[in-house]
Protein backbone atom coordinates (compact mmCIF):
# COMPACT_ATOMS: atom_id res chain seq x y z
CA MET A 1 122.97 198.88 158.53
CA GLY A 2 119.95 201.03 159.19
CA LEU A 3 116.37 199.89 159.99
CA ARG A 4 114.08 199.70 156.98
CA ILE A 5 110.62 201.27 156.74
CA LEU A 6 108.09 198.43 157.09
CA TYR A 7 105.09 198.05 154.90
CA ASN A 8 103.78 194.83 153.23
CA SER A 9 100.40 194.87 151.56
CA LEU A 10 100.28 191.04 152.06
CA ASP A 11 100.39 191.45 155.80
CA PRO A 12 97.23 192.23 157.81
CA ALA A 13 99.46 194.12 160.25
CA HIS A 14 99.96 196.66 157.37
CA LYS A 15 96.74 196.43 155.35
CA LEU A 16 93.19 195.40 156.17
CA PRO A 17 91.32 193.96 154.38
CA PHE A 18 93.57 191.87 152.22
CA GLY A 19 93.36 192.50 148.48
CA VAL A 20 90.68 194.36 146.67
CA LEU A 21 88.11 196.83 148.11
CA THR A 22 84.55 197.42 147.23
CA PRO A 23 83.06 200.94 147.08
CA GLY A 24 82.58 202.39 150.54
CA GLU A 25 84.62 199.66 152.28
CA THR A 26 86.92 200.98 154.89
CA CYS A 27 90.54 200.18 154.33
CA GLN A 28 93.27 200.42 157.16
CA LEU A 29 96.95 200.97 156.29
CA THR A 30 99.75 200.89 158.84
CA ILE A 31 103.28 201.86 158.14
CA ALA A 32 106.22 201.51 160.58
CA ILE A 33 109.04 204.04 160.31
CA PRO A 34 112.23 204.04 162.38
CA ARG A 35 112.20 206.80 165.01
CA SER A 36 115.56 207.76 163.94
CA CYS A 37 114.01 209.06 160.70
CA GLN A 38 112.40 211.89 162.66
CA THR A 39 109.27 211.76 160.55
CA VAL A 40 107.18 214.91 160.20
CA ARG A 41 104.61 213.75 157.71
CA VAL A 42 103.36 210.61 155.87
CA ILE A 43 101.09 210.89 152.88
CA LEU A 44 99.39 208.21 150.83
CA VAL A 45 99.40 209.13 147.15
CA LEU A 46 96.76 207.45 145.08
CA GLU A 47 96.82 207.58 141.31
CA ARG A 48 94.40 206.36 138.65
CA GLU A 49 95.52 203.73 136.23
CA ASN A 50 96.62 206.38 133.80
CA GLY A 51 98.92 208.13 136.26
CA GLU A 52 96.50 210.84 137.01
CA LYS A 53 96.63 212.01 140.68
CA PHE A 54 93.43 210.84 142.44
CA GLN A 55 93.85 211.50 146.25
CA GLU A 56 96.51 212.44 148.74
CA LEU A 57 95.65 211.35 152.29
CA GLU A 58 97.56 211.98 155.44
CA PHE A 59 98.49 209.28 158.02
CA GLN A 60 98.08 209.91 161.73
CA ARG A 61 100.82 208.86 164.18
CA ASP A 62 99.24 206.03 166.14
CA HIS A 63 101.84 204.83 168.59
CA ALA A 64 105.52 204.12 169.17
CA ALA A 65 107.22 200.82 170.03
CA GLU A 66 110.99 200.96 169.89
CA PRO A 67 112.61 201.29 167.53
CA TYR A 68 109.59 202.26 165.34
CA GLU A 69 106.78 204.73 165.10
CA TYR A 70 103.51 203.59 163.70
CA TYR A 71 101.35 205.67 161.33
CA ARG A 72 97.87 204.62 160.55
CA LEU A 73 95.24 205.73 157.91
CA PHE A 74 91.59 204.81 157.44
CA PHE A 75 89.99 205.60 154.10
CA SER A 76 87.57 204.30 151.54
CA LEU A 77 87.10 204.59 147.78
CA GLU A 78 83.65 205.46 146.56
CA GLU A 79 84.02 204.44 142.93
CA PRO A 80 85.20 201.21 141.21
CA GLY A 81 88.57 201.55 139.47
CA LEU A 82 92.13 200.46 139.26
CA PHE A 83 94.46 202.49 141.39
CA TYR A 84 98.15 202.56 142.26
CA TYR A 85 99.69 204.01 145.29
CA TYR A 86 102.90 204.99 147.06
CA PHE A 87 103.96 206.91 150.25
CA ARG A 88 105.38 210.34 150.37
CA ILE A 89 107.37 210.76 153.63
CA THR A 90 108.62 214.08 154.96
CA THR A 91 111.31 214.00 157.73
CA ARG A 92 113.15 216.93 159.28
CA ASN A 93 115.95 216.55 156.73
CA GLU A 94 114.28 215.43 153.45
CA GLN A 95 111.31 214.27 151.51
CA PHE A 96 111.15 211.02 149.46
CA ARG A 97 108.79 208.50 147.90
CA LEU A 98 108.56 205.04 149.40
CA LEU A 99 107.97 202.46 146.76
CA LYS A 100 107.48 198.66 146.47
CA GLN A 101 110.39 196.30 145.88
CA GLY A 102 109.20 192.70 145.94
CA GLU A 103 107.45 192.42 149.31
CA ASP A 104 109.74 195.05 150.82
CA THR A 105 110.00 198.83 150.48
CA ASN A 106 112.54 200.99 149.02
CA ILE A 107 113.33 204.78 148.75
CA GLU A 108 112.69 206.29 145.24
CA ALA A 109 113.52 202.98 143.39
CA GLY A 110 110.82 200.35 142.67
CA SER A 111 107.11 200.13 141.70
CA TYR A 112 103.76 201.26 142.95
CA TRP A 113 101.39 199.04 144.92
CA GLN A 114 98.18 198.00 143.13
CA LEU A 115 94.78 198.61 144.62
CA SER A 116 91.52 197.68 142.93
CA CYS A 117 88.03 198.80 143.96
CA VAL A 118 85.55 196.42 142.32
CA SER A 119 81.90 196.82 141.46
CA THR A 120 79.49 194.47 143.24
CA ARG A 121 76.73 194.62 140.82
CA PHE A 122 77.15 191.20 139.35
CA PRO A 123 78.26 188.89 142.20
CA VAL A 124 79.99 185.63 141.17
CA PRO A 125 77.47 182.78 141.58
CA ALA A 126 78.45 180.99 144.74
CA GLU A 127 77.94 177.58 143.31
CA TYR A 128 80.84 177.90 140.98
CA GLU A 129 83.47 178.61 143.73
CA GLY A 130 85.67 175.55 143.95
CA ARG A 131 83.56 173.63 141.50
CA VAL A 132 85.37 170.97 139.38
CA PHE A 133 85.33 171.57 135.69
CA TYR A 134 85.91 169.29 132.72
CA GLN A 135 86.88 170.63 129.37
CA ILE A 136 85.80 168.52 126.28
CA PHE A 137 86.93 168.99 122.76
CA PRO A 138 83.67 167.57 121.52
CA ASP A 139 84.84 165.78 118.25
CA ARG A 140 87.53 163.84 120.28
CA PHE A 141 85.67 162.54 123.38
CA HIS A 142 83.07 159.90 122.57
CA GLN A 143 80.61 158.92 119.92
CA VAL A 144 77.20 157.31 120.20
CA GLY A 145 75.22 156.55 117.09
CA ARG A 146 75.44 158.34 113.77
CA CYS A 147 74.58 161.93 113.15
CA ASP A 148 72.96 163.21 110.02
CA LEU A 149 75.85 164.68 107.98
CA THR A 150 73.68 165.95 105.10
CA ASP A 151 74.59 169.61 105.85
CA LYS A 152 78.10 169.08 107.05
CA LEU A 153 80.44 171.57 105.36
CA GLN A 154 82.68 170.01 102.67
CA PRO A 155 85.25 168.78 102.29
CA TYR A 156 85.87 166.66 105.44
CA TRP A 157 86.91 163.13 106.26
CA ILE A 158 86.50 160.87 109.27
CA HIS A 159 89.20 158.80 110.89
CA GLN A 160 88.46 155.08 110.93
CA ASP A 161 91.06 154.27 113.52
CA LEU A 162 90.44 156.36 116.62
CA SER A 163 93.97 155.80 117.82
CA GLU A 164 95.38 157.75 114.86
CA PRO A 165 96.96 161.07 115.67
CA PRO A 166 95.22 164.23 114.31
CA VAL A 167 96.35 165.40 110.91
CA TRP A 168 99.17 167.85 111.16
CA ARG A 169 100.86 167.84 107.73
CA PRO A 170 99.85 170.64 105.30
CA ASN A 171 98.29 169.79 102.00
CA GLU A 172 99.88 170.34 98.61
CA ARG A 173 99.07 174.09 98.96
CA GLY A 174 100.71 174.27 102.34
CA GLU A 175 97.44 174.58 104.18
CA VAL A 176 96.43 172.76 107.41
CA LEU A 177 92.72 172.53 106.96
CA ASN A 178 91.73 170.99 110.35
CA ASN A 179 88.97 169.11 108.47
CA ASP A 180 89.67 165.69 109.81
CA PHE A 181 87.11 164.26 112.25
CA TYR A 182 86.81 161.37 114.69
CA GLY A 183 83.00 161.59 115.09
CA GLY A 184 82.55 162.47 118.77
CA ASN A 185 79.16 163.92 119.37
CA LEU A 186 76.83 165.27 122.05
CA ALA A 187 75.12 161.92 122.56
CA GLY A 188 78.52 160.51 123.29
CA ILE A 189 79.07 163.17 125.98
CA ARG A 190 75.76 162.49 127.41
CA GLU A 191 76.44 158.79 127.76
CA LYS A 192 79.67 159.45 129.74
CA LEU A 193 77.98 161.89 132.19
CA PRO A 194 77.86 159.19 135.00
CA TYR A 195 81.66 158.67 134.54
CA LEU A 196 82.26 162.40 134.80
CA HIS A 197 80.10 162.61 137.87
CA ASP A 198 81.92 159.87 139.48
CA LEU A 199 85.15 161.73 138.71
CA GLY A 200 83.80 164.56 140.78
CA VAL A 201 83.06 166.89 137.83
CA GLY A 202 80.40 169.58 138.45
CA ALA A 203 80.55 171.53 135.20
CA LEU A 204 81.36 170.79 131.57
CA TYR A 205 83.06 173.42 129.48
CA LEU A 206 82.61 172.45 125.82
CA ASN A 207 84.79 173.77 123.09
CA PRO A 208 82.64 175.25 120.26
CA ILE A 209 79.67 173.20 119.17
CA PHE A 210 78.04 175.46 116.59
CA MET A 211 78.17 174.64 112.82
CA ALA A 212 81.52 175.18 111.41
CA TYR A 213 83.98 173.94 108.79
CA SER A 214 86.90 172.87 111.05
CA SER A 215 87.19 170.21 113.65
CA HIS A 216 87.97 172.94 116.25
CA ARG A 217 85.02 175.01 115.26
CA TYR A 218 86.47 178.39 116.16
CA ASP A 219 85.45 179.37 112.52
CA THR A 220 81.70 179.58 113.26
CA ALA A 221 79.43 179.03 110.11
CA ASP A 222 76.12 179.42 111.95
CA TYR A 223 75.64 180.34 115.55
CA SER A 224 72.05 179.11 115.42
CA ARG A 225 72.85 175.51 114.52
CA ILE A 226 74.59 172.67 116.33
CA ASP A 227 77.31 171.33 114.09
CA PRO A 228 75.81 168.34 112.10
CA MET A 229 78.76 166.22 113.19
CA LEU A 230 77.77 166.65 116.79
CA GLY A 231 73.96 166.27 116.56
CA THR A 232 70.91 168.49 116.83
CA ASP A 233 69.34 171.10 119.04
CA GLN A 234 67.40 168.25 120.66
CA ASP A 235 70.71 166.47 121.33
CA PHE A 236 71.95 169.51 123.00
CA GLN A 237 68.81 169.98 125.18
CA ASP A 238 68.92 166.31 126.15
CA LEU A 239 72.56 166.69 127.21
CA CYS A 240 71.75 169.72 129.32
CA ASN A 241 68.82 168.01 130.95
CA ALA A 242 70.76 164.91 131.74
CA ALA A 243 73.62 167.02 133.25
CA HIS A 244 71.24 169.08 135.27
CA ASP A 245 69.72 165.87 136.72
CA LEU A 246 73.31 165.09 138.01
CA GLU A 247 73.65 168.77 139.28
CA MET A 248 76.24 169.48 136.52
CA LYS A 249 76.41 172.69 134.56
CA ILE A 250 77.02 173.30 130.86
CA ILE A 251 79.34 176.05 129.74
CA LEU A 252 79.54 176.95 126.08
CA ASP A 253 82.45 178.52 124.19
CA GLY A 254 81.39 181.89 122.63
CA VAL A 255 83.57 182.90 119.66
CA PHE A 256 82.33 186.44 118.94
CA SER A 257 85.37 188.23 117.82
CA HIS A 258 85.24 186.62 114.34
CA THR A 259 83.40 184.09 112.22
CA GLY A 260 84.58 181.68 109.58
CA SER A 261 84.81 183.00 106.03
CA ASN A 262 82.95 179.97 104.99
CA SER A 263 79.72 181.03 106.96
CA ILE A 264 76.24 182.06 106.32
CA TYR A 265 77.31 185.59 107.39
CA PHE A 266 80.40 186.11 105.34
CA ASP A 267 79.96 183.45 102.64
CA ALA A 268 83.35 183.86 100.83
CA ASN A 269 82.84 180.59 98.97
CA HIS A 270 79.25 181.72 97.68
CA ILE A 271 77.75 178.56 99.21
CA PHE A 272 74.80 180.07 101.13
CA GLY A 273 73.88 182.96 98.93
CA HIS A 274 73.24 185.91 101.21
CA GLY A 275 76.52 186.54 103.04
CA ALA A 276 78.38 189.73 103.19
CA VAL A 277 80.72 188.70 100.23
CA SER A 278 78.28 186.79 98.06
CA ASP A 279 75.49 189.47 98.30
CA PRO A 280 76.57 193.19 98.25
CA HIS A 281 73.14 194.05 99.77
CA SER A 282 73.45 191.39 102.61
CA PRO A 283 72.20 192.41 105.96
CA TYR A 284 75.48 190.81 107.27
CA ARG A 285 77.71 193.22 105.25
CA SER A 286 77.85 195.76 108.09
CA TRP A 287 78.97 193.02 110.46
CA TYR A 288 82.32 193.03 108.99
CA LEU A 289 85.14 195.50 108.60
CA PHE A 290 85.98 195.89 104.91
CA ARG A 291 88.84 198.05 103.90
CA HIS A 292 88.00 197.45 100.25
CA TYR A 293 84.90 195.42 99.52
CA PRO A 294 84.90 192.38 98.98
CA ASN A 295 88.47 191.07 99.19
CA ASP A 296 90.24 193.32 101.62
CA TYR A 297 88.95 193.04 105.24
CA GLU A 298 90.15 192.79 108.82
CA SER A 299 90.72 189.20 109.98
CA TRP A 300 91.80 187.63 113.12
CA TRP A 301 95.61 187.74 113.46
CA GLY A 302 95.66 187.91 109.57
CA PHE A 303 94.02 184.62 109.03
CA LYS A 304 91.78 185.39 106.02
CA THR A 305 89.46 182.46 106.78
CA LEU A 306 88.64 184.19 110.12
CA PRO A 307 87.13 187.63 109.24
CA CYS A 308 86.68 189.95 112.27
CA LEU A 309 83.28 191.02 113.35
CA ASN A 310 82.26 194.64 114.09
CA LYS A 311 81.35 194.46 117.67
CA HIS A 312 79.66 197.82 117.54
CA ASP A 313 77.23 196.95 114.66
CA PRO A 314 73.59 197.20 115.98
CA GLY A 315 72.47 194.37 113.69
CA PHE A 316 75.14 191.97 114.99
CA ILE A 317 74.44 192.88 118.54
CA ASP A 318 70.71 192.37 118.22
CA TYR A 319 71.17 189.05 116.45
CA LEU A 320 73.60 187.71 119.00
CA PHE A 321 72.18 188.84 122.31
CA GLY A 322 69.99 191.96 121.92
CA SER A 323 66.62 190.46 121.43
CA ASP A 324 64.41 187.80 122.94
CA GLU A 325 64.86 185.80 119.82
CA SER A 326 68.66 186.15 119.92
CA ILE A 327 71.29 183.39 119.61
CA ILE A 328 72.26 183.63 123.29
CA ALA A 329 68.56 183.49 124.47
CA LYS A 330 68.10 180.34 122.32
CA TRP A 331 70.94 178.35 123.84
CA PHE A 332 70.12 179.47 127.37
CA ARG A 333 66.56 178.45 126.96
CA LEU A 334 67.73 174.97 125.73
CA GLY A 335 69.81 174.61 128.88
CA ALA A 336 73.23 176.33 128.78
CA ASP A 337 74.33 177.70 132.15
CA GLY A 338 77.16 179.97 131.15
CA MET A 339 79.80 180.93 128.58
CA ARG A 340 83.54 180.99 128.08
CA LEU A 341 84.39 183.95 125.93
CA ASP A 342 87.15 183.11 123.34
CA VAL A 343 89.77 185.98 123.02
CA VAL A 344 87.79 188.26 125.39
CA ASP A 345 90.56 190.79 125.11
CA GLU A 346 89.31 191.58 121.59
CA LEU A 347 85.70 192.33 122.90
CA PRO A 348 85.18 196.03 123.59
CA ASP A 349 84.00 197.07 127.12
CA ASP A 350 80.54 198.25 125.94
CA PHE A 351 80.01 194.98 124.03
CA LEU A 352 81.12 192.96 127.01
CA MET A 353 78.92 194.85 129.52
CA ALA A 354 75.91 194.50 127.32
CA LEU A 355 76.46 190.89 126.85
CA ARG A 356 77.03 190.51 130.63
CA GLU A 357 73.73 192.28 131.43
CA ARG A 358 71.85 190.22 128.95
CA LEU A 359 73.18 186.91 130.28
CA ARG A 360 72.28 187.76 133.85
CA ALA A 361 68.76 188.86 132.68
CA LEU A 362 68.41 185.41 131.06
CA ASN A 363 69.76 183.62 134.07
CA PRO A 364 70.78 185.47 137.24
CA LYS A 365 73.30 182.66 137.94
CA ALA A 366 74.89 182.58 134.50
CA LEU A 367 78.66 182.15 134.67
CA LEU A 368 80.87 184.22 132.40
CA ILE A 369 84.48 183.10 131.91
CA GLY A 370 87.05 185.06 129.89
CA GLU A 371 90.08 183.74 127.99
CA VAL A 372 92.86 185.85 129.47
CA TRP A 373 96.43 184.62 129.51
CA GLU A 374 97.93 187.08 131.99
CA ASP A 375 96.93 188.86 135.23
CA ALA A 376 93.40 189.96 134.29
CA SER A 377 93.12 192.62 137.06
CA ASN A 378 95.41 194.94 135.18
CA LYS A 379 95.42 193.69 131.61
CA ILE A 380 96.14 196.23 128.82
CA SER A 381 94.78 195.01 125.45
CA TYR A 382 95.24 196.95 122.21
CA GLY A 383 96.31 200.05 124.38
CA VAL A 384 93.14 199.88 126.57
CA ARG A 385 93.04 198.91 130.13
CA ARG A 386 90.49 196.23 130.72
CA ARG A 387 87.84 196.50 133.45
CA TYR A 388 87.09 192.76 133.85
CA PHE A 389 86.85 192.92 137.67
CA THR A 390 86.54 196.65 138.55
CA GLU A 391 83.31 196.71 136.46
CA ALA A 392 82.40 193.09 137.27
CA GLN A 393 82.38 192.17 133.57
CA LEU A 394 83.61 188.60 134.16
CA ASP A 395 83.09 185.94 136.90
CA SER A 396 86.28 184.02 136.08
CA VAL A 397 89.20 183.73 133.80
CA MET A 398 91.44 180.94 132.62
CA ASN A 399 94.28 180.77 135.11
CA TYR A 400 97.32 180.47 132.88
CA PRO A 401 99.63 182.26 135.33
CA TRP A 402 99.23 179.59 137.85
CA ARG A 403 99.41 176.86 135.27
CA ASN A 404 102.88 178.14 134.28
CA ALA A 405 104.01 178.50 137.89
CA ILE A 406 102.74 174.94 138.98
CA LEU A 407 104.37 173.23 136.06
CA SER A 408 107.67 175.08 136.66
CA PHE A 409 107.68 174.08 140.34
CA ALA A 410 106.84 170.43 139.57
CA ARG A 411 109.59 170.22 137.01
CA GLY A 412 112.05 171.57 139.61
CA GLU A 413 112.82 174.84 137.67
CA ASP A 414 111.58 176.80 140.67
CA ASP A 415 112.34 176.19 144.29
CA GLY A 416 108.91 177.48 145.34
CA ARG A 417 109.49 181.21 145.46
CA GLN A 418 108.21 181.88 142.01
CA LEU A 419 105.04 179.78 142.70
CA ARG A 420 104.54 181.76 146.03
CA ARG A 421 104.85 185.02 144.13
CA ALA A 422 102.32 183.85 141.41
CA VAL A 423 99.74 182.66 144.08
CA LEU A 424 99.94 185.71 146.24
CA THR A 425 99.89 188.19 143.23
CA LEU A 426 96.57 186.88 141.93
CA ALA A 427 95.22 186.42 145.57
CA GLU A 428 95.83 190.13 146.24
CA ASN A 429 94.75 191.37 142.79
CA TYR A 430 91.55 189.27 142.18
CA PRO A 431 88.25 189.53 144.12
CA ALA A 432 88.08 186.55 146.46
CA ALA A 433 84.98 185.12 144.83
CA VAL A 434 86.63 185.46 141.34
CA LEU A 435 89.72 183.83 142.70
CA ASN A 436 87.63 180.88 143.99
CA ALA A 437 85.88 180.45 140.65
CA ASN A 438 89.09 181.00 138.53
CA LEU A 439 89.51 178.22 135.97
CA ASN A 440 92.68 176.45 137.25
CA LEU A 441 94.01 174.47 134.31
CA LEU A 442 97.21 172.53 133.56
CA SER A 443 96.26 171.56 130.00
CA SER A 444 93.92 173.04 127.27
CA HIS A 445 93.41 172.81 123.53
CA ASP A 446 95.79 175.75 123.19
CA VAL A 447 98.83 174.30 125.11
CA PRO A 448 100.72 171.06 125.41
CA ARG A 449 99.13 168.40 127.70
CA ALA A 450 100.36 168.65 131.27
CA LEU A 451 101.87 165.22 131.23
CA THR A 452 103.97 166.12 128.19
CA ALA A 453 104.83 169.60 129.36
CA LEU A 454 106.05 168.22 132.69
CA VAL A 455 108.68 166.14 130.93
CA ASP A 456 109.46 168.08 127.79
CA PRO A 457 108.41 171.74 127.90
CA THR A 458 110.31 172.65 124.70
CA ASP A 459 108.61 173.63 121.58
CA GLY A 460 109.49 172.90 117.92
CA GLU A 461 108.23 172.47 114.41
CA ARG A 462 105.24 170.13 114.04
CA GLU A 463 107.31 167.59 112.08
CA ASP A 464 109.82 167.46 114.96
CA LEU A 465 107.06 167.21 117.52
CA ALA A 466 105.25 164.33 115.64
CA ARG A 467 108.50 162.29 115.95
CA ARG A 468 109.18 162.87 119.72
CA THR A 469 108.23 160.04 122.12
CA MET A 470 108.62 159.46 125.79
CA THR A 471 110.53 156.53 127.29
CA ALA A 472 108.86 154.41 130.09
CA ALA A 473 110.97 156.07 132.64
CA GLN A 474 110.17 159.64 131.41
CA LEU A 475 106.39 158.61 131.43
CA ALA A 476 106.64 157.44 134.98
CA MET A 477 108.51 160.68 136.06
CA GLY A 478 105.79 162.82 134.24
CA LYS A 479 103.02 161.01 136.10
CA ALA A 480 104.61 161.49 139.47
CA ARG A 481 105.02 165.17 138.66
CA LEU A 482 101.43 165.31 137.35
CA ARG A 483 100.09 164.02 140.65
CA LEU A 484 101.91 166.82 142.48
CA ALA A 485 100.89 169.46 139.91
CA THR A 486 97.18 168.33 140.12
CA PHE A 487 97.28 168.35 143.86
CA LEU A 488 98.16 172.02 143.72
CA GLN A 489 95.59 172.59 140.87
CA PHE A 490 92.83 171.24 143.13
CA THR A 491 93.88 172.60 146.55
CA LEU A 492 94.73 176.20 145.66
CA PRO A 493 91.91 178.67 145.39
CA GLY A 494 89.89 178.18 142.24
CA ALA A 495 87.76 175.87 140.09
CA PRO A 496 90.10 173.08 138.82
CA CYS A 497 89.51 172.36 135.17
CA ILE A 498 90.59 168.88 133.80
CA TYR A 499 91.28 168.78 130.12
CA TYR A 500 89.57 165.72 128.67
CA GLY A 501 91.78 162.63 128.90
CA ASP A 502 94.44 164.15 131.29
CA GLU A 503 93.08 161.93 133.93
CA ALA A 504 93.54 158.97 131.64
CA GLY A 505 97.18 159.66 131.04
CA MET A 506 96.95 161.30 127.61
CA THR A 507 100.08 162.99 126.27
CA GLY A 508 100.55 165.49 123.41
CA TYR A 509 102.47 168.52 122.34
CA ARG A 510 100.73 171.71 121.17
CA ASP A 511 97.90 171.83 118.73
CA PRO A 512 96.93 169.45 117.10
CA PHE A 513 98.80 166.78 119.07
CA ASN A 514 96.95 167.79 122.20
CA ARG A 515 93.67 167.01 120.62
CA ALA A 516 93.69 163.21 120.13
CA TYR A 517 90.66 160.94 120.82
CA TYR A 518 90.04 159.88 124.33
CA PRO A 519 91.49 156.34 124.81
CA TRP A 520 88.45 154.59 126.21
CA GLY A 521 89.43 151.10 127.54
CA LYS A 522 93.16 152.05 127.79
CA GLU A 523 93.07 154.53 130.66
CA ASP A 524 95.58 154.75 133.49
CA LEU A 525 93.27 153.61 136.23
CA ALA A 526 95.57 154.64 139.02
CA LEU A 527 95.77 158.14 137.68
CA GLN A 528 92.04 158.24 137.27
CA GLY A 529 91.74 157.19 140.90
CA HIS A 530 94.10 160.07 141.83
CA TYR A 531 91.89 162.57 140.12
CA ARG A 532 88.82 161.05 141.77
CA ALA A 533 90.35 161.40 145.17
CA LEU A 534 91.13 165.08 144.49
CA GLY A 535 87.65 165.73 143.33
CA ARG A 536 86.25 164.23 146.68
CA LEU A 537 88.72 166.22 148.63
CA LYS A 538 87.74 169.51 146.93
CA SER A 539 83.98 168.83 147.23
CA GLN A 540 84.08 167.88 150.97
CA SER A 541 86.09 170.87 152.11
CA GLU A 542 84.60 174.37 152.51
CA ALA A 543 88.05 175.64 153.13
CA LEU A 544 89.39 174.28 149.77
CA ARG A 545 86.40 175.67 147.87
CA ARG A 546 86.05 179.09 149.40
CA GLY A 547 88.80 179.64 151.95
CA SER A 548 91.47 182.18 152.17
CA VAL A 549 95.06 181.23 151.19
CA GLU A 550 98.21 181.80 153.12
CA VAL A 551 101.71 180.60 152.02
CA LEU A 552 103.70 179.30 154.92
CA ASP A 553 106.88 178.07 153.30
CA ALA A 554 108.22 178.33 149.78
CA GLN A 555 111.92 177.38 149.40
CA ASP A 556 114.11 174.38 148.59
CA GLY A 557 111.53 172.72 146.63
CA HIS A 558 108.97 172.79 149.44
CA PHE A 559 105.62 174.55 149.18
CA VAL A 560 103.29 174.74 152.10
CA PHE A 561 100.14 176.73 152.34
CA ARG A 562 97.00 177.00 154.33
CA ARG A 563 93.29 177.38 153.42
CA ARG A 564 90.96 178.73 156.06
CA HIS A 565 87.16 179.14 156.17
CA GLY A 566 85.45 179.85 159.48
CA LYS A 567 86.75 177.26 161.91
CA GLU A 568 87.85 174.72 159.17
CA VAL A 569 91.60 174.98 158.52
CA VAL A 570 93.43 172.75 155.92
CA THR A 571 97.21 172.77 155.65
CA LEU A 572 98.85 171.40 152.52
CA TRP A 573 102.42 170.27 151.93
CA CYS A 574 104.23 169.71 148.52
CA ASN A 575 107.63 168.40 147.98
CA ALA A 576 109.17 168.93 144.59
CA SER A 577 112.75 168.38 145.93
CA PRO A 578 114.57 165.17 145.18
CA LEU A 579 114.84 164.40 148.83
CA PRO A 580 112.25 163.02 151.21
CA TRP A 581 110.89 165.53 153.72
CA TYR A 582 108.81 165.12 156.86
CA ALA A 583 107.22 168.41 158.09
CA ALA A 584 103.60 167.68 158.96
CA PRO A 585 102.39 168.53 162.40
CA PRO A 586 99.56 166.43 163.97
CA GLY A 587 96.20 166.70 162.44
CA LYS A 588 93.52 164.70 160.58
CA LEU A 589 95.07 163.29 157.39
CA LEU A 590 92.80 164.05 154.42
CA LEU A 591 95.06 162.95 151.51
CA GLY A 592 98.56 161.96 150.75
CA ASP A 593 101.43 160.86 153.01
CA PRO A 594 102.84 163.09 155.81
CA ARG A 595 106.30 161.33 155.14
CA LEU A 596 106.68 163.27 151.89
CA PRO A 597 108.79 161.47 149.33
CA SER A 598 110.07 163.49 146.30
CA MET A 599 106.90 164.59 144.45
CA GLY A 600 104.91 163.80 147.61
CA PHE A 601 102.03 165.80 148.90
CA CYS A 602 99.82 165.90 151.95
CA ALA A 603 96.62 167.50 153.02
CA MET A 604 95.66 167.74 156.77
CA GLU A 605 92.96 169.32 158.68
CA THR A 606 94.80 171.28 161.39
CA SER A 607 94.02 173.47 164.38
CA ASN A 608 95.77 176.57 162.83
């Protein structure tokens, strides 16, 4: 069997620096070719994302060390962009393309390597790297006092028993209205800030809080008002001030791809009087995309209750963020620190960049997170390649790729190799600061809770899901898996994001079962303690917050990786196999047990 040509973009012996480049930064590539090939010429072929040739650069023969010859190239990219590359090699007998096949190379068959050059104009705020987030579905967390419900959109009803499951059955017309409420409010969140601070939380990500009809509030009725069920502008400002006193940040959910049909802007029900439907001369009419006024219009995924906004309309842009009196300016003045953009894939590049510039003008350290479900570095949405990182449009995205990989590993469906691939893919494709601020989640309002998904990842009709229960044995197994999964969530690069109640042992299939009320007084205290320990570990280690990542072992249900920052080195072991495993070398134990049982984990400060 002949020798292979050696090149691995993950290996510093072949590519420096690791991962993405910035404009003008020197990149060094080294390729090793067997001498028996009798190589004449090695060319790096760079293409733009659309397949257009960008550059061809020739390697120089650097040295030989039997049985290989080593060719080296130094180059830089002067403009941000997403590029792909391969090698064209000419020998005395033939010419061929060298392509990527996994972490190996192959002749003529395979894929190209990805290389991003990213803009540095909006650096990720350093304080968010490795920060612990906590996601709150506001209606379902905690209530203090009674809010004035005079202007609450009708009809609605409030659960008297907080332990009741959310309503999932459709009404007599087959509609699920999402208009049942539990009464959680901003004052309730404020009262629980000391608990969250003790948990190690440094930022709250709040699902939508603006006036809306539904309990999820992704059908905005008025961007300028807090929903009456949650409180007032003053309640929001008080929450922000109290959070800031504890050095905690407040991140709002921005829903700018659509509004509710029952809103002051669209007014399909003719409640407000000057909406796009109720008033043909409404200033809001141009905000929407009518095919035939007033009943035929573009709506989000075909839901007529969610009419799409025209993101290029000057009036809408000015209202939302264009002026000093805009909606965004108001909420940042009252204390918001950043935003998570709902369905960011549906926001055009020019809209996103203008919003980004406005946020940073209001607050130079404003954080902008995007809801992206895939690898955000090369995402194509509606036929358009997105520039979230190459143009520095986002600081962070919701890390669903790692969620899926971590849960699969903890369930024993992956022996570690898929997790390794997922970790290294994003580590290579994302800017380091973005990776360290990435929202690492295991649960959210859009997916089943981790504890449930770790035991039963199957889906079904809501009627079926409502009947499913877990045995005591399944619950115990799920919690063991959850401890391992959260260990990875907190120790891999990124900002771990706890979905409210996961630390208390809450279960639940997909929406709406994952949106029950927090079980105050009935929490799993041992599980809470586990989360608290992970929060301390993250906050006390610069390597875990900002360090590089290197996977040392990923097979047979074992996953070992190293985080390094300066002289601090932390090595982490995970055992998802059914057998105990002892593999930890000497070092300072930070968390866990070096005698790794099944579902065991261990963090140690090591010398290398």
